[in-house]
Amino acid sequence: MQMSDRLPEAPPGSRLEEVSRRAFLRGGATVIGLTAVGGLAACGGGGSGDQALASTTSTTAATSTTSATSTTATADESAGAVPAAAKLAVSFTYTPSGVGGRVNNPYIAVWVEDKGGELVRALAVWYEAAKSRYLSELAEWSTTSGSSAALTAVSGATRTPGGYQLLWDGTNLSGTRVAPGAYFVCIESAREHGPHSLIRTSLTLGDQPQKLALPSDGELSDANATYSVT
């Protein structure tokens, strides 16, 4: 994949400028796992005084840890979670534009973000491992906080043009179900001698099923997000 190692400077108001701005605002994030659908696409010398001090310090640390754990549990319970059976299916079709000549397989990333732009779940990242430096061509994905850590769990070889579907079980890396609310479904592609394409659409996850048609962009089309709760 013969792409430049560095992205060109973005003109004011461009999508890349917005990507850079969002990347600057982002902090840390966690990554979670996924299920692929088969056929489509298919994470020495101390005395007693020293011993007493160490014992006191250990007790204080344990108390602090217990307090922090209790606070986190309370926060999770108050926030609630999506239903235990909830799943999100993300489907799309990749069709290269133009005719004639060899068409190189694209680099594609599919993931879910929260409303603050933090990575919630990486569903797939398809690229050539020997040419990982070109992942920067996936401008939105590569500036998403936590994207590098996600590669070991969800990366795979590039795919040929066609239709694909991926499933998310609604849990985070620790196995805790995410809270109801607004999230973004993101699908991004880039290839040599081809356009950069990005779909990023908001949807609300709760206790009601829904199916959302995602707008096509460049070489990405027929995209849908289907949320089920049973």
C-alpha atoms as a PDB file:
ATOM      1  CA  MET A   1       0.000   0.000   0.000  1.00  0.00           C
ATOM      2  CA  GLN A   2       1.963   3.034  -1.228  1.00  0.00           C
ATOM      3  CA  MET A   3       0.701   5.809   1.003  1.00  0.00           C
ATOM      4  CA  SER A   4       2.603   8.761   2.434  1.00  0.00           C
ATOM      5  CA  ASP A   5       3.974   8.292   5.975  1.00  0.00           C
ATOM      6  CA  ARG A   6       2.583  11.654   7.017  1.00  0.00           C
ATOM      7  CA  LEU A   7      -0.801  13.181   6.479  1.00  0.00           C
ATOM      8  CA  PRO A   8      -0.836  16.479   4.538  1.00  0.00           C
ATOM      9  CA  GLU A   9      -1.478  19.666   6.450  1.00  0.00           C
ATOM     10  CA  ALA A  10      -5.237  20.118   6.678  1.00  0.00           C
ATOM     11  CA  PRO A  11      -6.846  23.281   5.322  1.00  0.00           C
ATOM     12  CA  PRO A  12      -8.990  25.248   7.807  1.00  0.00           C
ATOM     13  CA  GLY A  13     -12.447  23.760   8.241  1.00  0.00           C
ATOM     14  CA  SER A  14     -11.499  20.374   6.730  1.00  0.00           C
ATOM     15  CA  ARG A  15     -12.422  16.976   8.206  1.00  0.00           C
ATOM     16  CA  LEU A  16      -8.751  16.296   9.050  1.00  0.00           C
ATOM     17  CA  GLU A  17      -8.566  19.563  10.973  1.00  0.00           C
ATOM     18  CA  GLU A  18     -11.625  18.446  12.964  1.00  0.00           C
ATOM     19  CA  VAL A  19      -9.995  15.051  13.575  1.00  0.00           C
ATOM     20  CA  SER A  20      -6.883  16.763  14.941  1.00  0.00           C
ATOM     21  CA  ARG A  21      -8.969  19.003  17.170  1.00  0.00           C
ATOM     22  CA  ARG A  22     -10.885  16.038  18.568  1.00  0.00           C
ATOM     23  CA  ALA A  23      -7.649  14.121  19.134  1.00  0.00           C
ATOM     24  CA  PHE A  24      -6.256  17.048  21.167  1.00  0.00           C
ATOM     25  CA  LEU A  25      -9.336  17.038  23.403  1.00  0.00           C
ATOM     26  CA  ARG A  26      -9.320  13.310  24.028  1.00  0.00           C
ATOM     27  CA  GLY A  27      -7.893  11.617  27.101  1.00  0.00           C
ATOM     28  CA  GLY A  28      -7.373   7.912  27.950  1.00  0.00           C
ATOM     29  CA  ALA A  29      -9.825   5.168  27.094  1.00  0.00           C
ATOM     30  CA  THR A  30     -10.373   1.447  27.328  1.00  0.00           C
ATOM     31  CA  VAL A  31     -10.939  -1.094  24.608  1.00  0.00           C
ATOM     32  CA  ILE A  32     -13.383  -3.977  24.511  1.00  0.00           C
ATOM     33  CA  GLY A  33     -13.802  -7.244  22.569  1.00  0.00           C
ATOM     34  CA  LEU A  34     -16.065  -8.389  19.719  1.00  0.00           C
ATOM     35  CA  THR A  35     -17.756 -11.220  17.901  1.00  0.00           C
ATOM     36  CA  ALA A  36     -17.313 -11.636  14.140  1.00  0.00           C
ATOM     37  CA  VAL A  37     -20.084 -13.009  11.962  1.00  0.00           C
ATOM     38  CA  GLY A  38     -18.970 -16.002   9.904  1.00  0.00           C
ATOM     39  CA  GLY A  39     -18.878 -15.575   6.148  1.00  0.00           C
ATOM     40  CA  LEU A  40     -18.807 -11.809   6.344  1.00  0.00           C
ATOM     41  CA  ALA A  41     -16.100 -10.738   8.783  1.00  0.00           C
ATOM     42  CA  ALA A  42     -16.446 -13.398  10.201  1.00  0.00           C
ATOM     43  CA  CYS A  43      -9.408  -8.165  23.239  1.00  0.00           C
ATOM     44  CA  GLY A  44      17.458  -6.175  56.428  1.00  0.00           C
ATOM     45  CA  GLY A  45      17.372  -3.862  59.126  1.00  0.00           C
ATOM     46  CA  GLY A  46      13.940  -2.639  60.127  1.00  0.00           C
ATOM     47  CA  GLY A  47      13.046  -2.556  63.798  1.00  0.00           C
ATOM     48  CA  SER A  48       9.676  -2.856  65.473  1.00  0.00           C
ATOM     49  CA  GLY A  49       8.961   0.826  64.821  1.00  0.00           C
ATOM     50  CA  ASP A  50       9.424   0.303  61.096  1.00  0.00           C
ATOM     51  CA  GLN A  51       7.140  -2.712  61.163  1.00  0.00           C
ATOM     52  CA  ALA A  52       4.412  -0.737  62.930  1.00  0.00           C
ATOM     53  CA  LEU A  53       4.686   2.042  60.341  1.00  0.00           C
ATOM     54  CA  ALA A  54       4.494  -0.444  57.490  1.00  0.00           C
ATOM     55  CA  SER A  55       1.429  -2.037  59.039  1.00  0.00           C
ATOM     56  CA  THR A  56      -0.291   1.322  59.413  1.00  0.00           C
ATOM     57  CA  THR A  57       0.537   2.302  55.832  1.00  0.00           C
ATOM     58  CA  SER A  58      -0.782  -1.006  54.513  1.00  0.00           C
ATOM     59  CA  THR A  59      -4.036  -0.616  56.456  1.00  0.00           C
ATOM     60  CA  THR A  60      -4.516   2.932  55.159  1.00  0.00           C
ATOM     61  CA  ALA A  61      -3.923   1.845  51.566  1.00  0.00           C
ATOM     62  CA  ALA A  62      -6.373  -1.023  51.926  1.00  0.00           C
ATOM     63  CA  THR A  63      -9.009   1.335  53.354  1.00  0.00           C
ATOM     64  CA  SER A  64      -8.489   3.760  50.458  1.00  0.00           C
ATOM     65  CA  THR A  65      -8.792   0.962  47.896  1.00  0.00           C
ATOM     66  CA  THR A  66     -11.995  -0.309  49.492  1.00  0.00           C
ATOM     67  CA  SER A  67     -13.430   3.197  49.487  1.00  0.00           C
ATOM     68  CA  ALA A  68     -12.567   3.722  45.819  1.00  0.00           C
ATOM     69  CA  THR A  69     -14.076   0.374  44.837  1.00  0.00           C
ATOM     70  CA  SER A  70     -17.265   1.161  46.740  1.00  0.00           C
ATOM     71  CA  THR A  71     -17.554   4.553  45.041  1.00  0.00           C
ATOM     72  CA  THR A  72     -17.096   3.012  41.581  1.00  0.00           C
ATOM     73  CA  ALA A  73     -19.699   0.333  42.230  1.00  0.00           C
ATOM     74  CA  THR A  74     -22.206   2.939  43.378  1.00  0.00           C
ATOM     75  CA  ALA A  75     -21.574   5.023  40.275  1.00  0.00           C
ATOM     76  CA  ASP A  76     -22.073   2.007  38.007  1.00  0.00           C
ATOM     77  CA  GLU A  77     -25.299   1.025  39.717  1.00  0.00           C
ATOM     78  CA  SER A  78     -26.730   4.539  39.501  1.00  0.00           C
ATOM     79  CA  ALA A  79     -25.865   4.776  35.808  1.00  0.00           C
ATOM     80  CA  GLY A  80     -27.551   1.477  34.957  1.00  0.00           C
ATOM     81  CA  ALA A  81     -26.596  -0.666  31.983  1.00  0.00           C
ATOM     82  CA  VAL A  82     -27.956  -1.787  28.634  1.00  0.00           C
ATOM     83  CA  PRO A  83     -29.951  -5.064  28.738  1.00  0.00           C
ATOM     84  CA  ALA A  84     -27.954  -8.274  29.214  1.00  0.00           C
ATOM     85  CA  ALA A  85     -28.997  -9.573  25.798  1.00  0.00           C
ATOM     86  CA  ALA A  86     -28.312  -6.300  23.952  1.00  0.00           C
ATOM     87  CA  LYS A  87     -26.220  -6.489  20.778  1.00  0.00           C
ATOM     88  CA  LEU A  88     -25.262  -4.072  18.040  1.00  0.00           C
ATOM     89  CA  ALA A  89     -24.737  -5.337  14.484  1.00  0.00           C
ATOM     90  CA  VAL A  90     -22.828  -3.020  12.157  1.00  0.00           C
ATOM     91  CA  SER A  91     -22.948  -3.856   8.452  1.00  0.00           C
ATOM     92  CA  PHE A  92     -21.519  -2.095   5.406  1.00  0.00           C
ATOM     93  CA  THR A  93     -20.365  -2.632   1.825  1.00  0.00           C
ATOM     94  CA  TYR A  94     -16.971  -1.616   0.473  1.00  0.00           C
ATOM     95  CA  THR A  95     -16.911  -0.883  -3.267  1.00  0.00           C
ATOM     96  CA  PRO A  96     -13.779   0.621  -4.886  1.00  0.00           C
ATOM     97  CA  SER A  97     -14.409   3.615  -7.084  1.00  0.00           C
ATOM     98  CA  GLY A  98     -12.985   4.022 -10.578  1.00  0.00           C
ATOM     99  CA  VAL A  99     -12.324   1.404 -13.232  1.00  0.00           C
ATOM    100  CA  GLY A 100      -9.265  -0.204 -14.751  1.00  0.00           C
ATOM    101  CA  GLY A 101      -5.930  -1.081 -13.199  1.00  0.00           C
ATOM    102  CA  ARG A 102      -5.213  -2.986 -10.000  1.00  0.00           C
ATOM    103  CA  VAL A 103      -7.325  -2.158  -6.945  1.00  0.00           C
ATOM    104  CA  ASN A 104      -5.435  -2.536  -3.674  1.00  0.00           C
ATOM    105  CA  ASN A 105      -7.369  -3.806  -0.672  1.00  0.00           C
ATOM    106  CA  PRO A 106      -8.302  -0.953   1.654  1.00  0.00           C
ATOM    107  CA  TYR A 107      -7.377  -0.382   5.265  1.00  0.00           C
ATOM    108  CA  ILE A 108     -10.649  -0.400   7.235  1.00  0.00           C
ATOM    109  CA  ALA A 109     -11.476   0.310  10.887  1.00  0.00           C
ATOM    110  CA  VAL A 110     -14.852  -0.118  12.576  1.00  0.00           C
ATOM    111  CA  TRP A 111     -15.434   1.026  16.142  1.00  0.00           C
ATOM    112  CA  VAL A 112     -17.829   2.583  18.667  1.00  0.00           C
ATOM    113  CA  GLU A 113     -17.192   5.867  20.518  1.00  0.00           C
ATOM    114  CA  ASP A 114     -19.041   7.537  23.371  1.00  0.00           C
ATOM    115  CA  LYS A 115     -20.506  11.023  22.976  1.00  0.00           C
ATOM    116  CA  GLY A 116     -17.221  12.539  24.203  1.00  0.00           C
ATOM    117  CA  GLY A 117     -15.281  10.910  21.374  1.00  0.00           C
ATOM    118  CA  GLU A 118     -13.608   8.287  23.591  1.00  0.00           C
ATOM    119  CA  LEU A 119     -13.104   4.772  22.242  1.00  0.00           C
ATOM    120  CA  VAL A 120     -15.627   2.344  23.716  1.00  0.00           C
ATOM    121  CA  ARG A 121     -15.222  -0.652  21.455  1.00  0.00           C
ATOM    122  CA  ALA A 122     -13.021  -1.555  18.493  1.00  0.00           C
ATOM    123  CA  LEU A 123     -14.817  -4.052  16.270  1.00  0.00           C
ATOM    124  CA  ALA A 124     -12.200  -4.526  13.539  1.00  0.00           C
ATOM    125  CA  VAL A 125      -9.048  -3.021  12.063  1.00  0.00           C
ATOM    126  CA  TRP A 126      -7.997  -4.562   8.755  1.00  0.00           C
ATOM    127  CA  TYR A 127      -4.523  -3.624   7.511  1.00  0.00           C
ATOM    128  CA  GLU A 128      -1.155  -5.052   6.428  1.00  0.00           C
ATOM    129  CA  ALA A 129       0.925  -5.692   9.554  1.00  0.00           C
ATOM    130  CA  ALA A 130       4.158  -5.169   7.611  1.00  0.00           C
ATOM    131  CA  LYS A 131       2.935  -1.710   6.613  1.00  0.00           C
ATOM    132  CA  SER A 132       1.405  -0.554   9.886  1.00  0.00           C
ATOM    133  CA  ARG A 133       2.932   2.898   9.395  1.00  0.00           C
ATOM    134  CA  TYR A 134       0.202   3.544   6.871  1.00  0.00           C
ATOM    135  CA  LEU A 135      -2.504   3.203   9.516  1.00  0.00           C
ATOM    136  CA  SER A 136      -2.206   6.976   9.871  1.00  0.00           C
ATOM    137  CA  GLU A 137      -4.128   7.168   6.585  1.00  0.00           C
ATOM    138  CA  LEU A 138      -7.128   6.141   8.695  1.00  0.00           C
ATOM    139  CA  ALA A 139      -7.017   9.639  10.144  1.00  0.00           C
ATOM    140  CA  GLU A 140     -10.045   9.416  12.439  1.00  0.00           C
ATOM    141  CA  TRP A 141      -9.171   5.981  13.819  1.00  0.00           C
ATOM    142  CA  SER A 142      -5.477   6.718  14.365  1.00  0.00           C
ATOM    143  CA  THR A 143      -6.278   9.800  16.464  1.00  0.00           C
ATOM    144  CA  THR A 144      -8.874   8.030  18.591  1.00  0.00           C
ATOM    145  CA  SER A 145      -7.603   7.609  22.142  1.00  0.00           C
ATOM    146  CA  GLY A 146      -6.861   3.953  22.861  1.00  0.00           C
ATOM    147  CA  SER A 147      -6.727   2.855  19.216  1.00  0.00           C
ATOM    148  CA  SER A 148      -3.132   1.536  19.428  1.00  0.00           C
ATOM    149  CA  ALA A 149      -3.971  -0.753  22.346  1.00  0.00           C
ATOM    150  CA  ALA A 150      -6.959  -2.135  20.439  1.00  0.00           C
ATOM    151  CA  LEU A 151      -4.896  -3.495  17.550  1.00  0.00           C
ATOM    152  CA  THR A 152      -3.738  -6.678  19.301  1.00  0.00           C
ATOM    153  CA  ALA A 153      -7.325  -7.730  19.976  1.00  0.00           C
ATOM    154  CA  VAL A 154      -9.108  -6.814  16.756  1.00  0.00           C
ATOM    155  CA  SER A 155      -6.568  -6.494  13.935  1.00  0.00           C
ATOM    156  CA  GLY A 156      -6.676  -8.668  10.852  1.00  0.00           C
ATOM    157  CA  ALA A 157      -5.580  -8.830   7.242  1.00  0.00           C
ATOM    158  CA  THR A 158      -7.100  -6.567   4.620  1.00  0.00           C
ATOM    159  CA  ARG A 159     -10.299  -7.704   2.926  1.00  0.00           C
ATOM    160  CA  THR A 160     -11.443  -7.679  -0.668  1.00  0.00           C
ATOM    161  CA  PRO A 161     -14.403  -5.542  -1.766  1.00  0.00           C
ATOM    162  CA  GLY A 162     -17.765  -6.806  -0.567  1.00  0.00           C
ATOM    163  CA  GLY A 163     -20.295  -6.759   2.242  1.00  0.00           C
ATOM    164  CA  TYR A 164     -19.338  -7.202   5.902  1.00  0.00           C
ATOM    165  CA  GLN A 165     -21.021  -7.357   9.285  1.00  0.00           C
ATOM    166  CA  LEU A 166     -19.620  -7.196  12.817  1.00  0.00           C
ATOM    167  CA  LEU A 167     -21.308  -7.687  16.193  1.00  0.00           C
ATOM    168  CA  TRP A 168     -20.747  -5.919  19.509  1.00  0.00           C
ATOM    169  CA  ASP A 169     -22.088  -7.440  22.745  1.00  0.00           C
ATOM    170  CA  GLY A 170     -22.304  -4.092  24.557  1.00  0.00           C
ATOM    171  CA  THR A 171     -19.613  -4.837  27.163  1.00  0.00           C
ATOM    172  CA  ASN A 172     -16.310  -3.126  27.951  1.00  0.00           C
ATOM    173  CA  LEU A 173     -12.890  -4.720  28.418  1.00  0.00           C
ATOM    174  CA  SER A 174     -13.642  -5.803  31.992  1.00  0.00           C
ATOM    175  CA  GLY A 175     -16.898  -7.434  30.916  1.00  0.00           C
ATOM    176  CA  THR A 176     -19.151  -4.717  32.345  1.00  0.00           C
ATOM    177  CA  ARG A 177     -22.078  -3.702  30.187  1.00  0.00           C
ATOM    178  CA  VAL A 178     -22.010  -0.084  29.073  1.00  0.00           C
ATOM    179  CA  ALA A 179     -24.498   2.459  30.344  1.00  0.00           C
ATOM    180  CA  PRO A 180     -27.492   3.486  28.215  1.00  0.00           C
ATOM    181  CA  GLY A 181     -27.014   6.678  26.256  1.00  0.00           C
ATOM    182  CA  ALA A 182     -25.647   8.216  23.073  1.00  0.00           C
ATOM    183  CA  TYR A 183     -22.820   6.550  21.162  1.00  0.00           C
ATOM    184  CA  PHE A 184     -21.238   6.909  17.729  1.00  0.00           C
ATOM    185  CA  VAL A 185     -20.766   4.136  15.189  1.00  0.00           C
ATOM    186  CA  CYS A 186     -17.663   4.764  13.059  1.00  0.00           C
ATOM    187  CA  ILE A 187     -16.540   3.073   9.835  1.00  0.00           C
ATOM    188  CA  GLU A 188     -13.433   4.358   8.047  1.00  0.00           C
ATOM    189  CA  SER A 189     -11.551   3.222   4.941  1.00  0.00           C
ATOM    190  CA  ALA A 190      -8.492   4.353   2.965  1.00  0.00           C
ATOM    191  CA  ARG A 191      -6.478   2.811   0.156  1.00  0.00           C
ATOM    192  CA  GLU A 192      -3.729   3.619  -2.314  1.00  0.00           C
ATOM    193  CA  HIS A 193      -4.994   5.643  -5.269  1.00  0.00           C
ATOM    194  CA  GLY A 194      -8.450   5.733  -3.710  1.00  0.00           C
ATOM    195  CA  PRO A 195     -10.493   8.135  -1.582  1.00  0.00           C
ATOM    196  CA  HIS A 196     -10.629   8.351   2.170  1.00  0.00           C
ATOM    197  CA  SER A 197     -14.120   7.448   3.403  1.00  0.00           C
ATOM    198  CA  LEU A 198     -15.666   7.965   6.819  1.00  0.00           C
ATOM    199  CA  ILE A 199     -19.082   7.198   8.308  1.00  0.00           C
ATOM    200  CA  ARG A 200     -19.695   8.476  11.848  1.00  0.00           C
ATOM    201  CA  THR A 201     -23.295   8.456  13.063  1.00  0.00           C
ATOM    202  CA  SER A 202     -24.878   8.842  16.487  1.00  0.00           C
ATOM    203  CA  LEU A 203     -27.356   6.371  17.943  1.00  0.00           C
ATOM    204  CA  THR A 204     -28.899   5.918  21.379  1.00  0.00           C
ATOM    205  CA  LEU A 205     -28.636   2.596  23.195  1.00  0.00           C
ATOM    206  CA  GLY A 206     -31.275   1.735  25.777  1.00  0.00           C
ATOM    207  CA  ASP A 207     -34.021  -0.826  26.299  1.00  0.00           C
ATOM    208  CA  GLN A 208     -35.647  -0.418  22.887  1.00  0.00           C
ATOM    209  CA  PRO A 209     -34.470  -2.071  19.633  1.00  0.00           C
ATOM    210  CA  GLN A 210     -33.738   0.063  16.608  1.00  0.00           C
ATOM    211  CA  LYS A 211     -32.278  -0.060  13.120  1.00  0.00           C
ATOM    212  CA  LEU A 212     -30.434   2.937  11.743  1.00  0.00           C
ATOM    213  CA  ALA A 213     -29.386   3.451   8.135  1.00  0.00           C
ATOM    214  CA  LEU A 214     -25.961   5.103   8.042  1.00  0.00           C
ATOM    215  CA  PRO A 215     -25.162   7.639   5.296  1.00  0.00           C
ATOM    216  CA  SER A 216     -22.838   6.440   2.528  1.00  0.00           C
ATOM    217  CA  ASP A 217     -19.474   8.129   2.012  1.00  0.00           C
ATOM    218  CA  GLY A 218     -17.014   7.550  -0.805  1.00  0.00           C
ATOM    219  CA  GLU A 219     -16.335   3.831  -1.117  1.00  0.00           C
ATOM    220  CA  LEU A 220     -18.466   2.888   1.909  1.00  0.00           C
ATOM    221  CA  SER A 221     -22.164   2.256   1.321  1.00  0.00           C
ATOM    222  CA  ASP A 222     -25.192   0.182   2.402  1.00  0.00           C
ATOM    223  CA  ALA A 223     -24.219   0.750   6.062  1.00  0.00           C
ATOM    224  CA  ASN A 224     -26.629  -0.084   8.870  1.00  0.00           C
ATOM    225  CA  ALA A 225     -26.536  -0.298  12.663  1.00  0.00           C
ATOM    226  CA  THR A 226     -29.066  -2.713  14.131  1.00  0.00           C
ATOM    227  CA  TYR A 227     -29.543  -2.706  17.905  1.00  0.00           C
ATOM    228  CA  SER A 228     -31.390  -5.614  19.517  1.00  0.00           C
ATOM    229  CA  VAL A 229     -32.256  -6.159  23.179  1.00  0.00           C
ATOM    230  CA  THR A 230     -33.520  -9.770  23.207  1.00  0.00           C
END
